[in-house]
Protein backbone atom coordinates (compact mmCIF):
# COMPACT_ATOMS: atom_id res chain seq x y z
CA MET A 1 38.33 69.56 159.66
CA LYS A 2 38.73 73.23 158.78
CA LEU A 3 40.16 73.85 155.31
CA ARG A 4 41.68 77.24 154.53
CA ILE A 5 41.78 77.66 150.76
CA ALA A 6 43.11 80.67 148.87
CA GLN A 7 41.24 81.28 145.64
CA LEU A 8 43.29 82.93 142.88
CA PRO A 9 40.94 82.88 139.84
CA GLY A 10 43.26 84.99 137.69
CA ASP A 11 42.42 85.94 134.10
CA GLY A 12 40.27 84.83 131.18
CA ILE A 13 38.23 81.74 131.98
CA GLY A 14 39.99 81.36 135.34
CA PRO A 15 37.19 82.92 137.41
CA GLU A 16 34.54 80.76 135.69
CA VAL A 17 36.25 77.40 136.17
CA VAL A 18 37.42 78.16 139.71
CA ALA A 19 33.83 79.04 140.64
CA GLN A 20 32.68 75.59 139.52
CA ALA A 21 35.45 73.85 141.46
CA ALA A 22 34.36 75.81 144.54
CA LYS A 23 30.82 74.45 144.11
CA ALA A 24 32.23 70.93 144.08
CA ILE A 25 34.46 71.63 147.09
CA ASP A 26 31.49 73.01 149.03
CA ALA A 27 29.47 69.89 148.22
CA VAL A 28 32.28 67.61 149.38
CA CYS A 29 32.75 69.56 152.60
CA ALA A 30 29.01 69.44 153.33
CA ARG A 31 28.94 65.70 152.67
CA PHE A 32 31.96 64.83 154.82
CA GLY A 33 31.48 67.39 157.57
CA HIS A 34 34.36 69.78 156.85
CA GLU A 35 34.38 73.54 157.22
CA VAL A 36 35.91 75.53 154.39
CA GLU A 37 37.14 79.12 154.49
CA TYR A 38 38.00 80.88 151.23
CA ARG A 39 40.24 83.90 150.85
CA TYR A 40 40.40 85.64 147.50
CA ALA A 41 43.43 87.27 145.90
CA SER A 42 44.55 88.71 142.55
CA VAL A 43 47.22 87.34 140.23
CA GLY A 44 48.11 87.96 136.59
CA ALA A 45 46.66 90.71 134.40
CA CYS A 46 43.91 91.56 136.88
CA ALA A 47 46.57 92.10 139.56
CA ILE A 48 48.61 94.31 137.22
CA ASP A 49 45.52 96.41 136.58
CA ARG A 50 44.89 96.82 140.31
CA TYR A 51 48.36 96.84 141.84
CA GLY A 52 50.85 97.21 138.99
CA ASP A 53 52.29 93.85 140.07
CA ALA A 54 51.37 90.41 138.67
CA PHE A 55 51.87 88.72 142.08
CA PRO A 56 51.32 91.37 144.77
CA GLU A 57 52.65 91.02 148.29
CA GLU A 58 49.10 90.76 149.62
CA THR A 59 48.45 87.75 147.38
CA TYR A 60 51.66 86.12 148.56
CA ARG A 61 50.68 86.65 152.19
CA ILE A 62 47.23 85.12 151.64
CA CYS A 63 48.85 82.07 150.00
CA LEU A 64 51.21 81.62 152.96
CA GLU A 65 48.35 81.86 155.43
CA SER A 66 46.29 79.21 153.59
CA ASP A 67 46.47 75.40 153.54
CA ALA A 68 46.16 75.23 149.76
CA VAL A 69 45.74 77.49 146.74
CA LEU A 70 43.08 76.91 144.08
CA PHE A 71 44.33 78.74 140.99
CA GLY A 72 42.71 79.41 137.61
CA ALA A 73 44.94 80.86 134.90
CA VAL A 74 46.89 83.97 133.88
CA GLY A 75 47.24 85.63 130.51
CA ASP A 76 45.71 88.50 128.57
CA PRO A 77 45.83 89.38 124.84
CA ARG A 78 46.87 92.93 125.74
CA TYR A 79 50.31 91.58 126.63
CA ASP A 80 50.69 88.71 124.15
CA ASN A 81 51.64 90.90 121.21
CA ASP A 82 53.53 93.57 123.13
CA PRO A 83 57.19 92.51 123.45
CA THR A 84 58.00 95.79 125.20
CA ALA A 85 55.64 95.22 128.16
CA ARG A 86 57.60 95.65 131.39
CA VAL A 87 55.22 93.58 133.52
CA ARG A 88 53.41 90.52 132.18
CA PRO A 89 50.66 88.32 133.64
CA GLU A 90 52.83 85.22 133.35
CA GLN A 91 55.38 86.80 135.68
CA GLY A 92 52.78 86.40 138.42
CA LEU A 93 52.69 82.64 137.91
CA LEU A 94 56.48 82.37 137.89
CA ALA A 95 56.75 84.56 141.00
CA MET A 96 54.16 82.45 142.81
CA ARG A 97 56.08 79.27 142.04
CA LYS A 98 59.40 80.77 143.07
CA LYS A 99 58.24 82.49 146.27
CA LEU A 100 56.27 79.47 147.46
CA GLY A 101 59.12 77.11 146.55
CA LEU A 102 56.88 75.02 144.28
CA TYR A 103 59.58 73.01 142.58
CA ALA A 104 57.49 69.94 141.64
CA ASN A 105 54.58 70.01 139.21
CA LEU A 106 52.56 66.78 139.09
CA ARG A 107 50.39 66.32 136.03
CA PRO A 108 48.45 63.03 135.79
CA VAL A 109 47.33 61.89 132.35
CA GLU A 110 44.55 59.33 132.14
CA THR A 111 41.89 58.22 129.70
CA PHE A 112 38.16 58.12 130.29
CA PRO A 113 36.36 55.19 128.62
CA ALA A 114 33.47 57.40 127.49
CA LEU A 115 35.91 59.77 125.75
CA ILE A 116 38.37 57.38 124.12
CA ASP A 117 37.17 58.34 120.66
CA LYS A 118 37.60 62.06 121.41
CA SER A 119 41.36 61.60 121.29
CA PRO A 120 42.91 62.29 117.86
CA LEU A 121 44.94 59.12 118.44
CA LYS A 122 43.68 55.64 117.65
CA ARG A 123 41.71 53.87 120.36
CA GLU A 124 44.20 50.99 120.51
CA LEU A 125 47.01 53.45 121.28
CA VAL A 126 45.41 55.45 124.09
CA GLU A 127 43.10 52.96 125.77
CA GLY A 128 44.48 52.24 129.24
CA ALA A 129 47.08 55.03 129.18
CA ASP A 130 47.72 56.20 132.74
CA PHE A 131 50.87 58.06 133.72
CA VAL A 132 52.10 61.10 135.65
CA CYS A 133 54.43 63.81 134.37
CA VAL A 134 56.70 65.28 137.06
CA ARG A 135 57.99 68.64 135.86
CA GLU A 136 60.71 70.61 137.64
CA LEU A 137 59.12 74.01 138.12
CA THR A 138 61.51 76.62 139.52
CA GLY A 139 64.70 76.19 137.51
CA GLY A 140 65.86 76.12 133.90
CA MET A 141 65.38 78.74 131.21
CA TYR A 142 62.26 80.21 132.76
CA PHE A 143 64.29 81.41 135.73
CA GLY A 144 67.84 81.63 134.32
CA GLU A 145 69.63 84.80 133.32
CA LYS A 146 68.07 86.41 130.27
CA GLY A 147 68.48 89.58 128.32
CA ARG A 148 69.35 91.39 125.08
CA ARG A 149 72.60 92.67 123.61
CA ASP A 150 73.79 94.11 120.30
CA ASP A 151 71.29 96.96 120.55
CA GLY A 152 68.51 94.48 121.22
CA ASP A 153 69.15 92.38 118.12
CA THR A 154 70.46 89.37 120.07
CA ALA A 155 68.48 87.71 122.87
CA TYR A 156 69.48 84.99 125.29
CA ASP A 157 67.89 82.75 127.93
CA THR A 158 70.14 80.66 130.17
CA ASN A 159 69.22 77.12 131.15
CA VAL A 160 70.80 76.55 134.58
CA TYR A 161 70.34 73.60 136.96
CA SER A 162 72.15 72.65 140.15
CA ARG A 163 72.64 69.15 141.53
CA PHE A 164 70.41 70.08 144.47
CA GLU A 165 67.50 71.06 142.19
CA ILE A 166 67.81 67.87 140.17
CA GLU A 167 68.10 65.60 143.19
CA ARG A 168 65.00 66.94 144.93
CA ILE A 169 62.75 66.61 141.87
CA LEU A 170 64.07 63.12 141.19
CA ARG A 171 63.26 62.09 144.77
CA GLN A 172 59.69 63.29 144.25
CA ALA A 173 59.47 61.28 141.03
CA TYR A 174 60.98 58.12 142.54
CA SER A 175 58.66 58.35 145.56
CA LEU A 176 55.67 58.62 143.22
CA ALA A 177 56.89 55.72 141.07
CA ARG A 178 57.05 53.52 144.17
CA LEU A 179 53.35 54.20 144.72
CA ARG A 180 52.49 53.28 141.14
CA ARG A 181 54.00 50.70 138.73
CA ARG A 182 57.65 51.32 139.74
CA HIS A 183 58.81 52.61 136.36
CA LEU A 184 60.54 55.99 136.00
CA THR A 185 61.53 57.59 132.69
CA VAL A 186 64.03 60.46 132.90
CA VAL A 187 63.66 62.78 129.90
CA ASP A 188 66.53 65.03 128.83
CA LYS A 189 68.63 66.12 125.84
CA ALA A 190 71.95 64.82 127.12
CA ASN A 191 73.39 64.35 123.63
CA VAL A 192 73.38 68.15 123.14
CA LEU A 193 72.87 70.11 126.38
CA GLU A 194 75.32 70.29 129.28
CA SER A 195 72.48 70.85 131.73
CA SER A 196 70.87 67.64 130.51
CA ARG A 197 74.13 65.75 130.96
CA LEU A 198 74.08 66.77 134.63
CA TRP A 199 70.46 65.59 134.87
CA ARG A 200 71.41 62.19 133.46
CA GLN A 201 74.52 61.89 135.63
CA VAL A 202 72.59 62.64 138.81
CA ALA A 203 69.75 60.30 137.81
CA GLN A 204 72.19 57.45 137.11
CA GLU A 205 73.80 57.96 140.52
CA MET A 206 70.45 58.09 142.33
CA SER A 207 68.95 55.08 140.58
CA ALA A 208 71.10 52.83 142.82
CA GLU A 209 69.09 54.10 145.80
CA TYR A 210 65.88 52.85 144.18
CA PRO A 211 66.65 49.32 142.96
CA ASP A 212 62.94 48.47 143.14
CA VAL A 213 62.16 51.07 140.44
CA GLN A 214 62.98 50.47 136.78
CA THR A 215 64.77 53.59 135.53
CA ASP A 216 65.21 54.40 131.87
CA TYR A 217 66.42 57.47 130.00
CA MET A 218 64.99 59.10 126.91
CA PHE A 219 65.86 62.13 124.79
CA VAL A 220 63.05 64.67 124.75
CA ASP A 221 62.43 64.39 121.01
CA ASN A 222 62.04 60.62 121.33
CA ALA A 223 59.78 61.11 124.36
CA ALA A 224 57.57 63.48 122.35
CA MET A 225 57.20 60.81 119.67
CA LYS A 226 56.58 57.99 122.16
CA LEU A 227 53.83 59.97 123.92
CA ILE A 228 51.92 59.75 120.65
CA THR A 229 52.92 56.29 119.40
CA ASN A 230 52.92 54.37 122.70
CA PRO A 231 51.61 56.38 125.67
CA ARG A 232 51.03 53.19 127.70
CA PHE A 233 54.82 52.84 127.93
CA PHE A 234 54.99 55.56 130.59
CA ASP A 235 54.29 55.30 134.31
CA VAL A 236 56.13 58.29 135.79
CA LEU A 237 57.97 60.72 133.51
CA VAL A 238 60.31 63.31 135.05
CA THR A 239 61.95 66.19 133.24
CA GLU A 240 63.12 69.80 133.42
CA ASN A 241 60.95 72.90 133.27
CA THR A 242 60.79 73.78 129.57
CA PHE A 243 60.57 70.19 128.31
CA GLY A 244 57.88 69.46 130.89
CA ASP A 245 55.79 72.44 129.83
CA ILE A 246 55.75 71.28 126.21
CA LEU A 247 55.34 67.55 126.80
CA THR A 248 52.42 67.88 129.19
CA ASP A 249 50.48 70.04 126.76
CA GLU A 250 51.18 67.47 124.06
CA ALA A 251 49.92 64.73 126.39
CA SER A 252 46.54 66.46 126.65
CA CYS A 253 45.56 64.95 123.30
CA ILE A 254 45.65 61.50 124.92
CA SER A 255 42.69 62.31 127.17
CA GLY A 256 40.90 64.12 124.36
CA SER A 257 40.85 67.63 125.79
CA MET A 258 43.17 69.97 127.65
CA GLY A 259 40.10 70.73 129.74
CA LEU A 260 40.51 67.39 131.50
CA LEU A 261 44.07 67.67 132.79
CA ALA A 262 44.65 68.68 136.39
CA SER A 263 47.88 69.53 138.18
CA ALA A 264 49.42 70.05 141.59
CA SER A 265 52.45 72.24 142.24
CA ILE A 266 54.08 71.33 145.54
CA GLY A 267 57.29 72.05 147.39
CA GLU A 268 58.43 74.08 150.36
CA ARG A 269 55.26 76.03 151.23
CA THR A 270 51.56 76.12 150.33
CA GLY A 271 50.70 73.91 147.35
CA VAL A 272 48.92 75.28 144.27
CA TYR A 273 46.26 73.28 142.42
CA GLU A 274 45.33 74.31 138.90
CA PRO A 275 44.17 73.08 135.48
CA ILE A 276 46.94 72.92 132.91
CA HIS A 277 45.02 74.94 130.31
CA GLY A 278 45.63 78.63 129.92
CA SER A 279 43.35 81.62 130.28
CA TYR A 280 41.59 81.00 126.91
CA PRO A 281 40.55 84.67 126.58
CA GLN A 282 38.39 83.97 123.52
CA ALA A 283 35.97 82.07 125.76
CA ALA A 284 36.09 84.37 128.78
CA GLY A 285 32.66 85.38 130.03
CA LYS A 286 30.82 83.07 127.61
CA ASP A 287 30.15 80.26 130.11
CA ILE A 288 31.47 77.62 127.69
CA ALA A 289 34.85 76.59 129.19
CA ASN A 290 35.36 73.08 130.52
CA PRO A 291 35.60 73.17 134.35
CA LEU A 292 36.43 69.49 134.85
CA ALA A 293 40.22 69.92 134.95
CA THR A 294 39.83 72.47 137.73
CA ILE A 295 37.51 70.15 139.65
CA LEU A 296 40.02 67.31 139.22
CA SER A 297 42.71 69.69 140.51
CA ALA A 298 40.55 70.17 143.59
CA ALA A 299 40.52 66.39 143.97
CA MET A 300 44.33 66.43 143.97
CA MET A 301 44.17 69.18 146.58
CA PHE A 302 42.04 67.07 148.94
CA GLU A 303 44.37 64.10 148.46
CA THR A 304 47.79 65.76 148.72
CA ALA A 305 47.24 68.95 150.76
CA PHE A 306 44.77 67.52 153.27
CA GLY A 307 45.32 63.75 153.04
CA LEU A 308 41.58 63.24 152.46
CA LYS A 309 41.49 60.37 149.95
CA GLU A 310 37.78 59.61 150.19
CA GLU A 311 36.88 63.22 149.52
CA GLY A 312 39.17 63.30 146.49
CA ALA A 313 37.57 60.11 145.21
CA ALA A 314 34.12 61.68 145.56
CA LEU A 315 35.18 64.51 143.26
CA ARG A 316 36.73 62.13 140.74
CA ASN A 317 33.66 59.89 140.72
CA ALA A 318 31.38 62.85 140.07
CA VAL A 319 33.56 64.01 137.16
CA ARG A 320 33.52 60.52 135.64
CA ALA A 321 29.75 60.36 136.07
CA SER A 322 29.38 63.71 134.30
CA ILE A 323 31.44 62.44 131.36
CA GLU A 324 29.59 59.12 131.18
CA ALA A 325 26.23 60.92 131.27
CA GLY A 326 27.36 63.21 128.45
CA PHE A 327 26.76 66.25 130.64
CA VAL A 328 29.78 68.14 129.31
CA THR A 329 30.83 71.42 127.70
CA GLU A 330 31.19 71.97 123.98
CA ASP A 331 34.78 70.71 123.72
CA LEU A 332 33.54 67.22 124.66
CA ALA A 333 29.92 67.28 123.45
CA ASP A 334 30.73 65.90 119.98
CA GLY A 335 27.36 66.67 118.42
CA ALA A 336 25.35 66.18 121.59
CA VAL A 337 23.87 68.99 123.65
CA ALA A 338 26.70 71.17 124.96
CA ARG A 339 26.24 72.30 128.55
CA ARG A 340 27.31 75.57 130.06
CA THR A 341 30.31 75.80 132.37
CA SER A 342 28.01 76.69 135.25
CA GLU A 343 25.60 73.85 134.42
CA VAL A 344 28.42 71.30 134.57
CA GLY A 345 29.53 72.72 137.91
CA ASP A 346 25.99 72.47 139.26
CA TRP A 347 25.65 68.89 137.98
CA VAL A 348 28.91 67.73 139.55
CA ALA A 349 28.08 69.37 142.89
CA ALA A 350 24.61 67.81 142.90
CA ARG A 351 26.05 64.40 142.10
CA ILE A 352 28.43 64.65 145.07
CA SER A 353 25.56 65.62 147.35
CA GLU A 354 23.30 62.82 146.10
CA GLU A 355 25.84 60.15 147.00
CA LYS A 356 25.64 60.82 150.74
């Protein structure tokens, strides 16, 4: 099978972690007899520097012409503390999601037995936690009308959702729940927000179409607390854009490191596969960032973009073996020898090749 993959490394540690995922992808393709073709494109701050645009038309075209996109991260300190910047790296990510119609972000959260004690939560709380967050990705405040008035002293961001947007993300979540433990939790703030009341209304109407799935509803503040006090409660959690962004970062503490959480953004066109961590500019170029989340994102790519389950499992098994062997970067080393980003990538790729 020929796999056409667009590589968008982006900013900060993005190029380093994407390079390690590519090593693992190459090893899988060699093992299973696939041909892979990479096309490279700019996004984020590096694209602004080159094109003056965080998501240039050329990058969009390369994404459309590919079967999947392997993405690193966007973000640069030059823009973080400049509220007057006209173009920002993050606009490239939002534009990519909008133009490709990537309305569903899937973020699995799982625990690794060898890393249970790395979580700041007690072992008895996190052991066995295994759930997926389904985040609506192209609506809400991130894309609603925004601006300033009163000579710039008042700012506003509008949280807008249509029935259509809510229905399609709920169908994704229900379909996923049917493949898992058949339990869906709809997270909103329906006691305060009108947009959330529409979410709950639509979810209550749709739940009748899925009688085989247990549906419950939870306010976002309660969900944030329950993620910490009882993460095993969740199977599939679905929510709107802003809530999903916050909750999934919070959930990273369950696994013990944000460097372990993968994601897939899917929808109308080419899917994007990326780690949930940011560009981590403080570590850029130091060869210390954890590449495992990006490699696990590549596993999701094989499974969902190409339907190659065995290949995805090979990537996952190699990541687990790396963790169990203690061959990990400094965020997971916990007093042991910390390996370089590139060393972990080499180890994972070699492990995949050895299992032929």
